[in-house]
Amino acid sequence: MTASLFVAIGAGIAVLTGIGAGVGIGKATASAVDAIARQPEASGKIQSSLLLGAALAEATAIYGFVVALLIILLVK
């Protein structure tokens, strides 16, 4: 097997972090909508917590993408 095959497999595995981030953000959004429906007066606190959590989850997906790019570009 060639090294380029292993590079492609490694980059593919690194990009899979995007799936986890998408699922996490989806679950968080569903929970936030449910919480706002139950307590509309707390919507400001819920939204700020949701945005912070979504940003952190999205950061993990971006890190995975950057690692995949580094694997592809630097490993020869």
PDB file of N, CA and C in Angstrom:
ATOM      1  N   MET A   1       0.840  -1.183   0.000  1.00  0.00           N
ATOM      2  CA  MET A   1       0.000   0.000   0.000  1.00  0.00           C
ATOM      3  C   MET A   1       0.882   1.243   0.000  1.00  0.00           C
ATOM      4  N   THR A   2       0.385   2.252  -0.648  1.00  0.00           N
ATOM      5  CA  THR A   2       1.171   3.479  -0.752  1.00  0.00           C
ATOM      6  C   THR A   2       0.869   4.416   0.418  1.00  0.00           C
ATOM      7  N   ALA A   3       1.773   5.351   0.600  1.00  0.00           N
ATOM      8  CA  ALA A   3       1.615   6.310   1.695  1.00  0.00           C
ATOM      9  C   ALA A   3       0.431   7.235   1.452  1.00  0.00           C
ATOM     10  N   SER A   4       0.125   7.509   0.180  1.00  0.00           N
ATOM     11  CA  SER A   4      -0.990   8.418  -0.103  1.00  0.00           C
ATOM     12  C   SER A   4      -2.323   7.821   0.339  1.00  0.00           C
ATOM     13  N   LEU A   5      -2.434   6.506   0.344  1.00  0.00           N
ATOM     14  CA  LEU A   5      -3.654   5.853   0.830  1.00  0.00           C
ATOM     15  C   LEU A   5      -3.829   6.117   2.322  1.00  0.00           C
ATOM     16  N   PHE A   6      -2.759   5.998   3.070  1.00  0.00           N
ATOM     17  CA  PHE A   6      -2.833   6.236   4.513  1.00  0.00           C
ATOM     18  C   PHE A   6      -3.083   7.714   4.827  1.00  0.00           C
ATOM     19  N   VAL A   7      -2.541   8.592   4.002  1.00  0.00           N
ATOM     20  CA  VAL A   7      -2.796  10.021   4.172  1.00  0.00           C
ATOM     21  C   VAL A   7      -4.275  10.310   3.956  1.00  0.00           C
ATOM     22  N   ALA A   8      -4.857   9.724   2.924  1.00  0.00           N
ATOM     23  CA  ALA A   8      -6.282   9.941   2.641  1.00  0.00           C
ATOM     24  C   ALA A   8      -7.152   9.383   3.756  1.00  0.00           C
ATOM     25  N   ILE A   9      -6.805   8.215   4.271  1.00  0.00           N
ATOM     26  CA  ILE A   9      -7.584   7.626   5.369  1.00  0.00           C
ATOM     27  C   ILE A   9      -7.468   8.488   6.622  1.00  0.00           C
ATOM     28  N   GLY A  10      -6.276   8.961   6.939  1.00  0.00           N
ATOM     29  CA  GLY A  10      -6.087   9.815   8.111  1.00  0.00           C
ATOM     30  C   GLY A  10      -6.844  11.124   7.997  1.00  0.00           C
ATOM     31  N   ALA A  11      -6.814  11.726   6.816  1.00  0.00           N
ATOM     32  CA  ALA A  11      -7.544  12.979   6.610  1.00  0.00           C
ATOM     33  C   ALA A  11      -9.045  12.749   6.714  1.00  0.00           C
ATOM     34  N   GLY A  12      -9.517  11.635   6.192  1.00  0.00           N
ATOM     35  CA  GLY A  12     -10.943  11.311   6.295  1.00  0.00           C
ATOM     36  C   GLY A  12     -11.392  11.123   7.730  1.00  0.00           C
ATOM     37  N   ILE A  13     -10.572  10.465   8.519  1.00  0.00           N
ATOM     38  CA  ILE A  13     -10.902  10.272   9.940  1.00  0.00           C
ATOM     39  C   ILE A  13     -10.887  11.610  10.679  1.00  0.00           C
ATOM     40  N   ALA A  14      -9.951  12.488  10.350  1.00  0.00           N
ATOM     41  CA  ALA A  14      -9.884  13.787  11.012  1.00  0.00           C
ATOM     42  C   ALA A  14     -11.108  14.636  10.695  1.00  0.00           C
ATOM     43  N   VAL A  15     -11.633  14.528   9.494  1.00  0.00           N
ATOM     44  CA  VAL A  15     -12.795  15.324   9.104  1.00  0.00           C
ATOM     45  C   VAL A  15     -14.073  14.803   9.760  1.00  0.00           C
ATOM     46  N   LEU A  16     -14.072  13.590  10.243  1.00  0.00           N
ATOM     47  CA  LEU A  16     -15.265  13.031  10.887  1.00  0.00           C
ATOM     48  C   LEU A  16     -15.671  13.785  12.149  1.00  0.00           C
ATOM     49  N   THR A  17     -14.813  14.649  12.660  1.00  0.00           N
ATOM     50  CA  THR A  17     -15.189  15.453  13.818  1.00  0.00           C
ATOM     51  C   THR A  17     -16.358  16.370  13.497  1.00  0.00           C
ATOM     52  N   GLY A  18     -16.539  16.689  12.230  1.00  0.00           N
ATOM     53  CA  GLY A  18     -17.663  17.524  11.815  1.00  0.00           C
ATOM     54  C   GLY A  18     -18.998  16.866  12.063  1.00  0.00           C
ATOM     55  N   ILE A  19     -19.047  15.553  11.982  1.00  0.00           N
ATOM     56  CA  ILE A  19     -20.297  14.839  12.252  1.00  0.00           C
ATOM     57  C   ILE A  19     -20.685  14.993  13.715  1.00  0.00           C
ATOM     58  N   GLY A  20     -19.729  14.805  14.593  1.00  0.00           N
ATOM     59  CA  GLY A  20     -20.011  14.962  16.019  1.00  0.00           C
ATOM     60  C   GLY A  20     -20.432  16.374  16.371  1.00  0.00           C
ATOM     61  N   ALA A  21     -19.803  17.350  15.755  1.00  0.00           N
ATOM     62  CA  ALA A  21     -20.174  18.743  16.015  1.00  0.00           C
ATOM     63  C   ALA A  21     -21.582  19.027  15.524  1.00  0.00           C
ATOM     64  N   GLY A  22     -21.932  18.505  14.372  1.00  0.00           N
ATOM     65  CA  GLY A  22     -23.279  18.717  13.840  1.00  0.00           C
ATOM     66  C   GLY A  22     -24.349  18.089  14.708  1.00  0.00           C
ATOM     67  N   VAL A  23     -24.094  16.878  15.168  1.00  0.00           N
ATOM     68  CA  VAL A  23     -25.053  16.212  16.050  1.00  0.00           C
ATOM     69  C   VAL A  23     -25.168  16.949  17.378  1.00  0.00           C
ATOM     70  N   GLY A  24     -24.049  17.384  17.920  1.00  0.00           N
ATOM     71  CA  GLY A  24     -24.058  18.102  19.191  1.00  0.00           C
ATOM     72  C   GLY A  24     -24.794  19.422  19.113  1.00  0.00           C
ATOM     73  N   ILE A  25     -24.562  20.168  18.037  1.00  0.00           N
ATOM     74  CA  ILE A  25     -25.244  21.449  17.873  1.00  0.00           C
ATOM     75  C   ILE A  25     -26.741  21.221  17.662  1.00  0.00           C
ATOM     76  N   GLY A  26     -27.099  20.188  16.936  1.00  0.00           N
ATOM     77  CA  GLY A  26     -28.511  19.874  16.733  1.00  0.00           C
ATOM     78  C   GLY A  26     -29.226  19.531  18.032  1.00  0.00           C
ATOM     79  N   LYS A  27     -28.587  18.712  18.854  1.00  0.00           N
ATOM     80  CA  LYS A  27     -29.184  18.357  20.147  1.00  0.00           C
ATOM     81  C   LYS A  27     -29.284  19.571  21.061  1.00  0.00           C
ATOM     82  N   ALA A  28     -28.262  20.406  21.070  1.00  0.00           N
ATOM     83  CA  ALA A  28     -28.278  21.599  21.911  1.00  0.00           C
ATOM     84  C   ALA A  28     -29.375  22.556  21.478  1.00  0.00           C
ATOM     85  N   THR A  29     -29.542  22.720  20.176  1.00  0.00           N
ATOM     86  CA  THR A  29     -30.587  23.611  19.673  1.00  0.00           C
ATOM     87  C   THR A  29     -31.967  23.081  20.025  1.00  0.00           C
ATOM     88  N   ALA A  30     -32.159  21.782  19.879  1.00  0.00           N
ATOM     89  CA  ALA A  30     -33.454  21.195  20.235  1.00  0.00           C
ATOM     90  C   ALA A  30     -33.756  21.378  21.713  1.00  0.00           C
ATOM     91  N   SER A  31     -32.764  21.189  22.548  1.00  0.00           N
ATOM     92  CA  SER A  31     -32.965  21.378  23.989  1.00  0.00           C
ATOM     93  C   SER A  31     -33.232  22.840  24.331  1.00  0.00           C
ATOM     94  N   ALA A  32     -32.547  23.754  23.649  1.00  0.00           N
ATOM     95  CA  ALA A  32     -32.758  25.176  23.913  1.00  0.00           C
ATOM     96  C   ALA A  32     -34.157  25.614  23.494  1.00  0.00           C
ATOM     97  N   VAL A  33     -34.619  25.128  22.359  1.00  0.00           N
ATOM     98  CA  VAL A  33     -35.971  25.473  21.915  1.00  0.00           C
ATOM     99  C   VAL A  33     -37.005  24.926  22.893  1.00  0.00           C
ATOM    100  N   ASP A  34     -36.784  23.716  23.357  1.00  0.00           N
ATOM    101  CA  ASP A  34     -37.686  23.128  24.341  1.00  0.00           C
ATOM    102  C   ASP A  34     -37.683  23.926  25.645  1.00  0.00           C
ATOM    103  N   ALA A  35     -36.507  24.341  26.078  1.00  0.00           N
ATOM    104  CA  ALA A  35     -36.404  25.109  27.322  1.00  0.00           C
ATOM    105  C   ALA A  35     -37.056  26.481  27.179  1.00  0.00           C
ATOM    106  N   ILE A  36     -36.889  27.119  26.033  1.00  0.00           N
ATOM    107  CA  ILE A  36     -37.519  28.423  25.812  1.00  0.00           C
ATOM    108  C   ILE A  36     -39.034  28.284  25.754  1.00  0.00           C
ATOM    109  N   ALA A  37     -39.513  27.181  25.176  1.00  0.00           N
ATOM    110  CA  ALA A  37     -40.962  26.954  25.131  1.00  0.00           C
ATOM    111  C   ALA A  37     -41.529  26.771  26.530  1.00  0.00           C
ATOM    112  N   ARG A  38     -40.752  26.177  27.421  1.00  0.00           N
ATOM    113  CA  ARG A  38     -41.224  25.963  28.793  1.00  0.00           C
ATOM    114  C   ARG A  38     -41.097  27.205  29.655  1.00  0.00           C
ATOM    115  N   GLN A  39     -40.025  27.970  29.463  1.00  0.00           N
ATOM    116  CA  GLN A  39     -39.785  29.173  30.272  1.00  0.00           C
ATOM    117  C   GLN A  39     -39.368  30.326  29.358  1.00  0.00           C
ATOM    118  N   PRO A  40     -40.329  30.987  28.747  1.00  0.00           N
ATOM    119  CA  PRO A  40     -39.980  32.068  27.818  1.00  0.00           C
ATOM    120  C   PRO A  40     -39.244  33.237  28.486  1.00  0.00           C
ATOM    121  N   GLU A  41     -39.444  33.428  29.772  1.00  0.00           N
ATOM    122  CA  GLU A  41     -38.780  34.551  30.450  1.00  0.00           C
ATOM    123  C   GLU A  41     -37.276  34.328  30.595  1.00  0.00           C
ATOM    124  N   ALA A  42     -36.811  33.101  30.472  1.00  0.00           N
ATOM    125  CA  ALA A  42     -35.379  32.796  30.599  1.00  0.00           C
ATOM    126  C   ALA A  42     -34.702  32.671  29.234  1.00  0.00           C
ATOM    127  N   SER A  43     -35.337  33.176  28.192  1.00  0.00           N
ATOM    128  CA  SER A  43     -34.798  32.963  26.846  1.00  0.00           C
ATOM    129  C   SER A  43     -33.440  33.632  26.640  1.00  0.00           C
ATOM    130  N   GLY A  44     -33.188  34.749  27.289  1.00  0.00           N
ATOM    131  CA  GLY A  44     -31.894  35.426  27.127  1.00  0.00           C
ATOM    132  C   GLY A  44     -30.731  34.596  27.633  1.00  0.00           C
ATOM    133  N   LYS A  45     -30.892  34.025  28.824  1.00  0.00           N
ATOM    134  CA  LYS A  45     -29.829  33.179  29.387  1.00  0.00           C
ATOM    135  C   LYS A  45     -29.659  31.902  28.571  1.00  0.00           C
ATOM    136  N   ILE A  46     -30.775  31.349  28.127  1.00  0.00           N
ATOM    137  CA  ILE A  46     -30.707  30.104  27.347  1.00  0.00           C
ATOM    138  C   ILE A  46     -30.009  30.353  26.017  1.00  0.00           C
ATOM    139  N   GLN A  47     -30.346  31.456  25.360  1.00  0.00           N
ATOM    140  CA  GLN A  47     -29.723  31.755  24.070  1.00  0.00           C
ATOM    141  C   GLN A  47     -28.229  32.000  24.192  1.00  0.00           C
ATOM    142  N   SER A  48     -27.820  32.694  25.235  1.00  0.00           N
ATOM    143  CA  SER A  48     -26.386  32.958  25.391  1.00  0.00           C
ATOM    144  C   SER A  48     -25.620  31.667  25.666  1.00  0.00           C
ATOM    145  N   SER A  49     -26.201  30.793  26.463  1.00  0.00           N
ATOM    146  CA  SER A  49     -25.553  29.494  26.712  1.00  0.00           C
ATOM    147  C   SER A  49     -25.509  28.651  25.445  1.00  0.00           C
ATOM    148  N   LEU A  50     -26.579  28.710  24.668  1.00  0.00           N
ATOM    149  CA  LEU A  50     -26.623  27.955  23.413  1.00  0.00           C
ATOM    150  C   LEU A  50     -25.561  28.447  22.444  1.00  0.00           C
ATOM    151  N   LEU A  51     -25.416  29.758  22.315  1.00  0.00           N
ATOM    152  CA  LEU A  51     -24.426  30.297  21.386  1.00  0.00           C
ATOM    153  C   LEU A  51     -23.001  29.956  21.803  1.00  0.00           C
ATOM    154  N   LEU A  52     -22.734  30.004  23.092  1.00  0.00           N
ATOM    155  CA  LEU A  52     -21.404  29.631  23.570  1.00  0.00           C
ATOM    156  C   LEU A  52     -21.120  28.158  23.303  1.00  0.00           C
ATOM    157  N   GLY A  53     -22.086  27.303  23.597  1.00  0.00           N
ATOM    158  CA  GLY A  53     -21.903  25.873  23.347  1.00  0.00           C
ATOM    159  C   GLY A  53     -21.761  25.552  21.878  1.00  0.00           C
ATOM    160  N   ALA A  54     -22.542  26.225  21.028  1.00  0.00           N
ATOM    161  CA  ALA A  54     -22.445  25.991  19.588  1.00  0.00           C
ATOM    162  C   ALA A  54     -21.080  26.446  19.056  1.00  0.00           C
ATOM    163  N   ALA A  55     -20.581  27.547  19.581  1.00  0.00           N
ATOM    164  CA  ALA A  55     -19.267  28.023  19.145  1.00  0.00           C
ATOM    165  C   ALA A  55     -18.165  27.043  19.531  1.00  0.00           C
ATOM    166  N   LEU A  56     -18.249  26.505  20.725  1.00  0.00           N
ATOM    167  CA  LEU A  56     -17.240  25.533  21.162  1.00  0.00           C
ATOM    168  C   LEU A  56     -17.340  24.240  20.353  1.00  0.00           C
ATOM    169  N   ALA A  57     -18.548  23.800  20.064  1.00  0.00           N
ATOM    170  CA  ALA A  57     -18.718  22.582  19.265  1.00  0.00           C
ATOM    171  C   ALA A  57     -18.223  22.804  17.841  1.00  0.00           C
ATOM    172  N   GLU A  58     -18.497  23.964  17.293  1.00  0.00           N
ATOM    173  CA  GLU A  58     -18.040  24.257  15.941  1.00  0.00           C
ATOM    174  C   GLU A  58     -16.519  24.370  15.881  1.00  0.00           C
ATOM    175  N   ALA A  59     -15.914  24.832  16.959  1.00  0.00           N
ATOM    176  CA  ALA A  59     -14.456  24.928  16.999  1.00  0.00           C
ATOM    177  C   ALA A  59     -13.813  23.552  16.867  1.00  0.00           C
ATOM    178  N   THR A  60     -14.422  22.534  17.456  1.00  0.00           N
ATOM    179  CA  THR A  60     -13.857  21.192  17.320  1.00  0.00           C
ATOM    180  C   THR A  60     -13.918  20.720  15.876  1.00  0.00           C
ATOM    181  N   ALA A  61     -14.981  21.061  15.164  1.00  0.00           N
ATOM    182  CA  ALA A  61     -15.076  20.687  13.755  1.00  0.00           C
ATOM    183  C   ALA A  61     -14.019  21.411  12.931  1.00  0.00           C
ATOM    184  N   ILE A  62     -13.781  22.667  13.244  1.00  0.00           N
ATOM    185  CA  ILE A  62     -12.758  23.427  12.522  1.00  0.00           C
ATOM    186  C   ILE A  62     -11.372  22.856  12.807  1.00  0.00           C
ATOM    187  N   TYR A  63     -11.118  22.457  14.058  1.00  0.00           N
ATOM    188  CA  TYR A  63      -9.834  21.837  14.385  1.00  0.00           C
ATOM    189  C   TYR A  63      -9.639  20.551  13.592  1.00  0.00           C
ATOM    190  N   GLY A  64     -10.686  19.759  13.471  1.00  0.00           N
ATOM    191  CA  GLY A  64     -10.591  18.530  12.683  1.00  0.00           C
ATOM    192  C   GLY A  64     -10.288  18.811  11.228  1.00  0.00           C
ATOM    193  N   PHE A  65     -10.915  19.844  10.681  1.00  0.00           N
ATOM    194  CA  PHE A  65     -10.657  20.228   9.293  1.00  0.00           C
ATOM    195  C   PHE A  65      -9.226  20.697   9.106  1.00  0.00           C
ATOM    196  N   VAL A  66      -8.728  21.484  10.044  1.00  0.00           N
ATOM    197  CA  VAL A  66      -7.350  21.974   9.963  1.00  0.00           C
ATOM    198  C   VAL A  66      -6.363  20.811  10.054  1.00  0.00           C
ATOM    199  N   VAL A  67      -6.635  19.868  10.946  1.00  0.00           N
ATOM    200  CA  VAL A  67      -5.760  18.694  11.063  1.00  0.00           C
ATOM    201  C   VAL A  67      -5.773  17.898   9.760  1.00  0.00           C
ATOM    202  N   ALA A  68      -6.940  17.751   9.145  1.00  0.00           N
ATOM    203  CA  ALA A  68      -7.014  17.037   7.867  1.00  0.00           C
ATOM    204  C   ALA A  68      -6.202  17.749   6.794  1.00  0.00           C
ATOM    205  N   LEU A  69      -6.305  19.076   6.741  1.00  0.00           N
ATOM    206  CA  LEU A  69      -5.502  19.819   5.774  1.00  0.00           C
ATOM    207  C   LEU A  69      -4.013  19.672   6.034  1.00  0.00           C
ATOM    208  N   LEU A  70      -3.627  19.719   7.318  1.00  0.00           N
ATOM    209  CA  LEU A  70      -2.220  19.551   7.645  1.00  0.00           C
ATOM    210  C   LEU A  70      -1.716  18.159   7.258  1.00  0.00           C
ATOM    211  N   ILE A  71      -2.550  17.159   7.476  1.00  0.00           N
ATOM    212  CA  ILE A  71      -2.152  15.792   7.103  1.00  0.00           C
ATOM    213  C   ILE A  71      -1.930  15.715   5.598  1.00  0.00           C
ATOM    214  N   ILE A  72      -2.861  16.293   4.843  1.00  0.00           N
ATOM    215  CA  ILE A  72      -2.760  16.205   3.380  1.00  0.00           C
ATOM    216  C   ILE A  72      -1.567  17.006   2.857  1.00  0.00           C
ATOM    217  N   LEU A  73      -1.370  18.212   3.377  1.00  0.00           N
ATOM    218  CA  LEU A  73      -0.359  19.097   2.815  1.00  0.00           C
ATOM    219  C   LEU A  73       1.061  18.831   3.318  1.00  0.00           C
ATOM    220  N   LEU A  74       1.205  18.357   4.551  1.00  0.00           N
ATOM    221  CA  LEU A  74       2.540  18.225   5.122  1.00  0.00           C
ATOM    222  C   LEU A  74       3.113  16.815   5.043  1.00  0.00           C
ATOM    223  N   VAL A  75       2.265  15.821   4.938  1.00  0.00           N
ATOM    224  CA  VAL A  75       2.766  14.447   4.879  1.00  0.00           C
ATOM    225  C   VAL A  75       3.005  14.082   3.422  1.00  0.00           C
ATOM    226  N   LYS A  76       4.224  13.740   3.141  1.00  0.00           N
ATOM    227  CA  LYS A  76       4.563  13.380   1.758  1.00  0.00           C
ATOM    228  C   LYS A  76       5.310  12.092   1.697  1.00  0.00           C
TER     229      LYS A  76
END
